[in-house]
Amino acid sequence: MFLSLDGIDGVGKSTQLQLLVKKLQHQGHEVVTCREPGSTPLGEAIRELLLNDWNTPMNIVSEMLLYMTSRAQLVQEVIRPALAEGKIVIADRYLLASVVYQGYGGGVDTEAIWNVGRVATGDLLPDRTIVLDLPLNEAANRLGKPDRIEARGDDYREALRAGFTAEAERHPEQIELIDARGTEEDVATRIWNVVEQIMESGTS
């Protein structure tokens, strides 16, 4: 089973990913986690450039292609081998993030991003992408020092939230929108209900 967690910054992805991993491991599953961009030597170098290099000019198409480069390496080096070994893979962001961040947020054609993504990943998509949704003001309260992407402001973040919602409506069989309000336990229960359904359906 291959899952990804996504959403605007500050929705609690990292916390929920850790809680989900613990629950799956408690049930005896082997779980591999990864993050985008990153989780390979090439991916981590790209991550540093994308998120923390404030001095190198970068247009939005170049940004999208760098994410795709990191993703292509991640699929080949981490995700496919883990799935081949029968492990569960959970990614902190995946292709949907590029569609939303560089598409809805940056103005690149979203279908073009999906198409480039299919090439980069070899058509490997998650069994389900779980998007955590939270009002902007609540998410902003959880943010620390912003990185280069997070610093683009509220209008950009509003476009991202709308993009995640729009893609969930377009692809309900692939993308599950989860209300991230409430306690960590409340949100974890909502996520687990989705994961449990996937597991019961026989996806592995």
C-alpha atoms as a PDB file:
ATOM      1  CA  MET A   1       0.000   0.000   0.000  1.00  0.00           C
ATOM      2  CA  PHE A   2       1.237   3.436  -0.984  1.00  0.00           C
ATOM      3  CA  LEU A   3      -0.213   6.513   0.726  1.00  0.00           C
ATOM      4  CA  SER A   4       0.668  10.185   0.644  1.00  0.00           C
ATOM      5  CA  LEU A   5      -0.275  12.968   3.042  1.00  0.00           C
ATOM      6  CA  ASP A   6      -0.636  16.525   1.818  1.00  0.00           C
ATOM      7  CA  GLY A   7      -2.130  19.934   2.555  1.00  0.00           C
ATOM      8  CA  ILE A   8      -1.023  23.504   3.079  1.00  0.00           C
ATOM      9  CA  ASP A   9       1.822  24.108   5.494  1.00  0.00           C
ATOM     10  CA  GLY A  10       0.734  24.065   9.113  1.00  0.00           C
ATOM     11  CA  VAL A  11      -2.072  21.484   8.869  1.00  0.00           C
ATOM     12  CA  GLY A  12      -0.201  18.900  10.953  1.00  0.00           C
ATOM     13  CA  LYS A  13       1.019  16.469   8.294  1.00  0.00           C
ATOM     14  CA  SER A  14       4.206  15.473  10.075  1.00  0.00           C
ATOM     15  CA  THR A  15       2.430  14.764  13.351  1.00  0.00           C
ATOM     16  CA  GLN A  16      -0.304  12.740  11.683  1.00  0.00           C
ATOM     17  CA  LEU A  17       2.191  10.800   9.599  1.00  0.00           C
ATOM     18  CA  GLN A  18       4.030   9.752  12.759  1.00  0.00           C
ATOM     19  CA  LEU A  19       0.786   8.702  14.466  1.00  0.00           C
ATOM     20  CA  LEU A  20      -0.278   6.688  11.429  1.00  0.00           C
ATOM     21  CA  VAL A  21       3.095   4.947  11.215  1.00  0.00           C
ATOM     22  CA  LYS A  22       2.916   3.952  14.876  1.00  0.00           C
ATOM     23  CA  LYS A  23      -0.574   2.509  14.450  1.00  0.00           C
ATOM     24  CA  LEU A  24       0.426   0.501  11.387  1.00  0.00           C
ATOM     25  CA  GLN A  25       3.599  -0.776  13.045  1.00  0.00           C
ATOM     26  CA  HIS A  26       1.599  -1.762  16.118  1.00  0.00           C
ATOM     27  CA  GLN A  27      -0.465  -3.963  13.828  1.00  0.00           C
ATOM     28  CA  GLY A  28       2.675  -5.633  12.531  1.00  0.00           C
ATOM     29  CA  HIS A  29       3.170  -3.806   9.240  1.00  0.00           C
ATOM     30  CA  GLU A  30       6.560  -2.723   7.936  1.00  0.00           C
ATOM     31  CA  VAL A  31       6.350   0.960   7.040  1.00  0.00           C
ATOM     32  CA  VAL A  32       8.725   3.139   5.015  1.00  0.00           C
ATOM     33  CA  THR A  33       8.322   6.912   5.137  1.00  0.00           C
ATOM     34  CA  CYS A  34       9.722   9.559   2.824  1.00  0.00           C
ATOM     35  CA  ARG A  35       9.380  13.260   2.273  1.00  0.00           C
ATOM     36  CA  GLU A  36       9.214  15.500  -0.760  1.00  0.00           C
ATOM     37  CA  PRO A  37      11.488  16.911  -1.808  1.00  0.00           C
ATOM     38  CA  GLY A  38      14.130  14.740  -0.154  1.00  0.00           C
ATOM     39  CA  SER A  39      14.771  11.257   1.236  1.00  0.00           C
ATOM     40  CA  THR A  40      17.593  10.575  -1.243  1.00  0.00           C
ATOM     41  CA  PRO A  41      20.978  12.319  -1.533  1.00  0.00           C
ATOM     42  CA  LEU A  42      19.846  14.029  -4.730  1.00  0.00           C
ATOM     43  CA  GLY A  43      16.464  14.886  -3.245  1.00  0.00           C
ATOM     44  CA  GLU A  44      17.974  16.454  -0.131  1.00  0.00           C
ATOM     45  CA  ALA A  45      20.285  18.622  -2.256  1.00  0.00           C
ATOM     46  CA  ILE A  46      17.279  19.762  -4.295  1.00  0.00           C
ATOM     47  CA  ARG A  47      15.304  20.381  -1.101  1.00  0.00           C
ATOM     48  CA  GLU A  48      17.965  22.751   0.168  1.00  0.00           C
ATOM     49  CA  LEU A  49      17.909  24.662  -3.123  1.00  0.00           C
ATOM     50  CA  LEU A  50      14.120  24.848  -3.336  1.00  0.00           C
ATOM     51  CA  LEU A  51      13.284  25.732   0.254  1.00  0.00           C
ATOM     52  CA  ASN A  52      16.297  27.516   1.686  1.00  0.00           C
ATOM     53  CA  ASP A  53      18.162  29.215  -1.173  1.00  0.00           C
ATOM     54  CA  TRP A  54      16.790  32.751  -1.232  1.00  0.00           C
ATOM     55  CA  ASN A  55      19.455  34.085  -3.597  1.00  0.00           C
ATOM     56  CA  THR A  56      19.194  31.931  -6.722  1.00  0.00           C
ATOM     57  CA  PRO A  57      16.556  33.230  -9.181  1.00  0.00           C
ATOM     58  CA  MET A  58      14.102  30.490 -10.137  1.00  0.00           C
ATOM     59  CA  ASN A  59      11.024  30.646 -12.345  1.00  0.00           C
ATOM     60  CA  ILE A  60       7.986  28.556 -11.544  1.00  0.00           C
ATOM     61  CA  VAL A  61       8.524  25.991 -14.329  1.00  0.00           C
ATOM     62  CA  SER A  62      12.093  25.407 -13.182  1.00  0.00           C
ATOM     63  CA  GLU A  63      10.756  24.980  -9.656  1.00  0.00           C
ATOM     64  CA  MET A  64       8.235  22.395 -10.826  1.00  0.00           C
ATOM     65  CA  LEU A  65      10.866  20.445 -12.759  1.00  0.00           C
ATOM     66  CA  LEU A  66      13.211  20.383  -9.771  1.00  0.00           C
ATOM     67  CA  TYR A  67      10.447  18.858  -7.661  1.00  0.00           C
ATOM     68  CA  MET A  68       9.892  16.309 -10.417  1.00  0.00           C
ATOM     69  CA  THR A  69      13.604  15.466 -10.494  1.00  0.00           C
ATOM     70  CA  SER A  70      13.598  14.805  -6.764  1.00  0.00           C
ATOM     71  CA  ARG A  71      10.399  12.751  -7.139  1.00  0.00           C
ATOM     72  CA  ALA A  72      11.794  10.613  -9.967  1.00  0.00           C
ATOM     73  CA  GLN A  73      14.806   9.710  -7.849  1.00  0.00           C
ATOM     74  CA  LEU A  74      12.628   9.021  -4.821  1.00  0.00           C
ATOM     75  CA  VAL A  75      10.415   6.600  -6.744  1.00  0.00           C
ATOM     76  CA  GLN A  76      13.362   4.687  -8.168  1.00  0.00           C
ATOM     77  CA  GLU A  77      15.522   4.657  -5.053  1.00  0.00           C
ATOM     78  CA  VAL A  78      12.996   4.342  -2.213  1.00  0.00           C
ATOM     79  CA  ILE A  79       9.341   3.845  -3.090  1.00  0.00           C
ATOM     80  CA  ARG A  80       9.377   1.103  -5.731  1.00  0.00           C
ATOM     81  CA  PRO A  81      11.921  -1.072  -3.868  1.00  0.00           C
ATOM     82  CA  ALA A  82       9.894  -0.798  -0.630  1.00  0.00           C
ATOM     83  CA  LEU A  83       6.638  -1.693  -2.368  1.00  0.00           C
ATOM     84  CA  ALA A  84       8.333  -4.630  -4.092  1.00  0.00           C
ATOM     85  CA  GLU A  85       9.291  -5.928  -0.634  1.00  0.00           C
ATOM     86  CA  GLY A  86       5.673  -5.759   0.512  1.00  0.00           C
ATOM     87  CA  LYS A  87       6.136  -2.743   2.767  1.00  0.00           C
ATOM     88  CA  ILE A  88       3.688   0.104   3.262  1.00  0.00           C
ATOM     89  CA  VAL A  89       5.017   3.415   1.969  1.00  0.00           C
ATOM     90  CA  ILE A  90       3.788   6.761   3.305  1.00  0.00           C
ATOM     91  CA  ALA A  91       5.026   9.912   1.602  1.00  0.00           C
ATOM     92  CA  ASP A  92       4.962  13.378   3.107  1.00  0.00           C
ATOM     93  CA  ARG A  93       3.765  15.034  -0.133  1.00  0.00           C
ATOM     94  CA  TYR A  94       3.833  13.596  -3.638  1.00  0.00           C
ATOM     95  CA  LEU A  95       2.694  14.542  -7.145  1.00  0.00           C
ATOM     96  CA  LEU A  96      -0.467  16.348  -6.032  1.00  0.00           C
ATOM     97  CA  ALA A  97       1.742  18.883  -4.250  1.00  0.00           C
ATOM     98  CA  SER A  98       3.281  19.990  -7.553  1.00  0.00           C
ATOM     99  CA  VAL A  99      -0.136  20.219  -9.193  1.00  0.00           C
ATOM    100  CA  VAL A 100      -1.310  22.498  -6.387  1.00  0.00           C
ATOM    101  CA  TYR A 101       1.813  24.519  -5.547  1.00  0.00           C
ATOM    102  CA  GLN A 102       3.127  25.182  -9.049  1.00  0.00           C
ATOM    103  CA  GLY A 103      -0.253  24.812 -10.766  1.00  0.00           C
ATOM    104  CA  TYR A 104      -2.963  26.477  -8.711  1.00  0.00           C
ATOM    105  CA  GLY A 105      -0.426  28.582  -6.821  1.00  0.00           C
ATOM    106  CA  GLY A 106       2.048  29.325  -9.598  1.00  0.00           C
ATOM    107  CA  GLY A 107      -0.034  29.354 -12.753  1.00  0.00           C
ATOM    108  CA  VAL A 108       1.445  26.344 -14.564  1.00  0.00           C
ATOM    109  CA  ASP A 109      -1.151  24.300 -16.448  1.00  0.00           C
ATOM    110  CA  THR A 110      -2.296  21.579 -14.042  1.00  0.00           C
ATOM    111  CA  GLU A 111      -2.838  18.903 -16.690  1.00  0.00           C
ATOM    112  CA  ALA A 112       0.692  19.512 -17.962  1.00  0.00           C
ATOM    113  CA  ILE A 113       2.000  18.964 -14.425  1.00  0.00           C
ATOM    114  CA  TRP A 114       0.038  15.710 -14.095  1.00  0.00           C
ATOM    115  CA  ASN A 115       1.519  14.562 -17.408  1.00  0.00           C
ATOM    116  CA  VAL A 116       5.099  15.445 -16.476  1.00  0.00           C
ATOM    117  CA  GLY A 117       4.480  13.733 -13.141  1.00  0.00           C
ATOM    118  CA  ARG A 118       3.435  10.518 -14.824  1.00  0.00           C
ATOM    119  CA  VAL A 119       6.747  10.490 -16.671  1.00  0.00           C
ATOM    120  CA  ALA A 120       8.751  11.308 -13.525  1.00  0.00           C
ATOM    121  CA  THR A 121       7.060   8.607 -11.464  1.00  0.00           C
ATOM    122  CA  GLY A 122       6.636   5.971 -14.154  1.00  0.00           C
ATOM    123  CA  ASP A 123       2.870   6.236 -13.608  1.00  0.00           C
ATOM    124  CA  LEU A 124       3.195   5.340  -9.926  1.00  0.00           C
ATOM    125  CA  LEU A 125       0.440   7.086  -7.988  1.00  0.00           C
ATOM    126  CA  PRO A 126      -0.564   6.515  -4.346  1.00  0.00           C
ATOM    127  CA  ASP A 127      -3.444   4.206  -3.559  1.00  0.00           C
ATOM    128  CA  ARG A 128      -4.827   7.273  -1.820  1.00  0.00           C
ATOM    129  CA  THR A 129      -3.670  10.804  -1.180  1.00  0.00           C
ATOM    130  CA  ILE A 130      -4.973  12.124   2.134  1.00  0.00           C
ATOM    131  CA  VAL A 131      -5.239  15.909   2.175  1.00  0.00           C
ATOM    132  CA  LEU A 132      -5.521  17.589   5.563  1.00  0.00           C
ATOM    133  CA  ASP A 133      -7.646  20.717   5.326  1.00  0.00           C
ATOM    134  CA  LEU A 134      -7.508  23.602   7.785  1.00  0.00           C
ATOM    135  CA  PRO A 135      -8.543  27.276   7.601  1.00  0.00           C
ATOM    136  CA  LEU A 136      -5.598  29.531   6.775  1.00  0.00           C
ATOM    137  CA  ASN A 137      -5.551  31.346  10.100  1.00  0.00           C
ATOM    138  CA  GLU A 138      -5.412  28.103  12.070  1.00  0.00           C
ATOM    139  CA  ALA A 139      -2.672  26.667   9.866  1.00  0.00           C
ATOM    140  CA  ALA A 140      -0.668  29.900  10.048  1.00  0.00           C
ATOM    141  CA  ASN A 141      -0.664  29.743  13.847  1.00  0.00           C
ATOM    142  CA  ARG A 142       1.281  26.470  13.648  1.00  0.00           C
ATOM    143  CA  LEU A 143       3.988  27.707  11.289  1.00  0.00           C
ATOM    144  CA  GLY A 144       7.491  28.535  12.445  1.00  0.00           C
ATOM    145  CA  LYS A 145       9.999  30.513  10.418  1.00  0.00           C
ATOM    146  CA  PRO A 146       8.799  30.355   6.804  1.00  0.00           C
ATOM    147  CA  ASP A 147      10.881  28.770   4.048  1.00  0.00           C
ATOM    148  CA  ARG A 148      11.113  30.213   0.524  1.00  0.00           C
ATOM    149  CA  ILE A 149       7.787  28.683  -0.542  1.00  0.00           C
ATOM    150  CA  GLU A 150       5.881  29.417   2.665  1.00  0.00           C
ATOM    151  CA  ALA A 151       6.910  33.075   2.493  1.00  0.00           C
ATOM    152  CA  ARG A 152       4.751  33.768  -0.567  1.00  0.00           C
ATOM    153  CA  GLY A 153       1.897  35.084   1.542  1.00  0.00           C
ATOM    154  CA  ASP A 154      -1.769  34.538   2.299  1.00  0.00           C
ATOM    155  CA  ASP A 155      -3.091  34.957  -1.258  1.00  0.00           C
ATOM    156  CA  TYR A 156      -0.780  32.184  -2.412  1.00  0.00           C
ATOM    157  CA  ARG A 157      -1.774  29.972   0.518  1.00  0.00           C
ATOM    158  CA  GLU A 158      -5.468  30.596  -0.193  1.00  0.00           C
ATOM    159  CA  ALA A 159      -4.914  29.501  -3.799  1.00  0.00           C
ATOM    160  CA  LEU A 160      -3.217  26.350  -2.510  1.00  0.00           C
ATOM    161  CA  ARG A 161      -6.092  25.464  -0.216  1.00  0.00           C
ATOM    162  CA  ALA A 162      -8.583  26.022  -3.029  1.00  0.00           C
ATOM    163  CA  GLY A 163      -6.410  23.889  -5.305  1.00  0.00           C
ATOM    164  CA  PHE A 164      -6.340  20.950  -2.922  1.00  0.00           C
ATOM    165  CA  THR A 165     -10.130  21.147  -2.595  1.00  0.00           C
ATOM    166  CA  ALA A 166     -10.635  21.368  -6.353  1.00  0.00           C
ATOM    167  CA  GLU A 167      -8.403  18.363  -7.069  1.00  0.00           C
ATOM    168  CA  ALA A 168     -10.141  16.313  -4.368  1.00  0.00           C
ATOM    169  CA  GLU A 169     -13.448  17.060  -6.062  1.00  0.00           C
ATOM    170  CA  ARG A 170     -12.000  16.161  -9.488  1.00  0.00           C
ATOM    171  CA  HIS A 171     -10.418  12.900  -8.326  1.00  0.00           C
ATOM    172  CA  PRO A 172     -12.513  11.552  -5.421  1.00  0.00           C
ATOM    173  CA  GLU A 173     -11.259   8.017  -6.037  1.00  0.00           C
ATOM    174  CA  GLN A 174      -7.648   9.128  -5.518  1.00  0.00           C
ATOM    175  CA  ILE A 175      -7.791  12.063  -3.114  1.00  0.00           C
ATOM    176  CA  GLU A 176      -9.501  12.145   0.293  1.00  0.00           C
ATOM    177  CA  LEU A 177     -10.053  15.526   1.965  1.00  0.00           C
ATOM    178  CA  ILE A 178      -9.868  15.278   5.770  1.00  0.00           C
ATOM    179  CA  ASP A 179     -10.945  17.963   8.234  1.00  0.00           C
ATOM    180  CA  ALA A 180      -7.803  18.756  10.261  1.00  0.00           C
ATOM    181  CA  ARG A 181      -9.625  20.712  12.967  1.00  0.00           C
ATOM    182  CA  GLY A 182      -9.891  19.322  16.474  1.00  0.00           C
ATOM    183  CA  THR A 183      -7.432  17.352  18.560  1.00  0.00           C
ATOM    184  CA  GLU A 184      -4.587  15.278  17.130  1.00  0.00           C
ATOM    185  CA  GLU A 185      -6.539  12.188  18.154  1.00  0.00           C
ATOM    186  CA  ASP A 186      -9.670  13.393  16.331  1.00  0.00           C
ATOM    187  CA  VAL A 187      -7.742  13.913  13.116  1.00  0.00           C
ATOM    188  CA  ALA A 188      -5.841  10.640  13.503  1.00  0.00           C
ATOM    189  CA  THR A 189      -9.166   8.777  13.816  1.00  0.00           C
ATOM    190  CA  ARG A 190     -10.477  10.349  10.599  1.00  0.00           C
ATOM    191  CA  ILE A 191      -7.305   9.364   8.767  1.00  0.00           C
ATOM    192  CA  TRP A 192      -7.380   5.840  10.168  1.00  0.00           C
ATOM    193  CA  ASN A 193     -10.962   5.363   8.989  1.00  0.00           C
ATOM    194  CA  VAL A 194      -9.790   6.064   5.433  1.00  0.00           C
ATOM    195  CA  VAL A 195      -6.715   3.834   5.713  1.00  0.00           C
ATOM    196  CA  GLU A 196      -8.758   1.010   7.184  1.00  0.00           C
ATOM    197  CA  GLN A 197     -11.174   1.152   4.248  1.00  0.00           C
ATOM    198  CA  ILE A 198      -8.271   0.925   1.802  1.00  0.00           C
ATOM    199  CA  MET A 199      -6.806  -2.048   3.622  1.00  0.00           C
ATOM    200  CA  GLU A 200     -10.171  -3.810   3.796  1.00  0.00           C
ATOM    201  CA  SER A 201     -10.623  -3.296   0.062  1.00  0.00           C
ATOM    202  CA  GLY A 202      -7.589  -5.475  -0.535  1.00  0.00           C
ATOM    203  CA  THR A 203      -5.107  -2.823  -1.684  1.00  0.00           C
ATOM    204  CA  SER A 204      -1.578  -3.788  -0.664  1.00  0.00           C
END
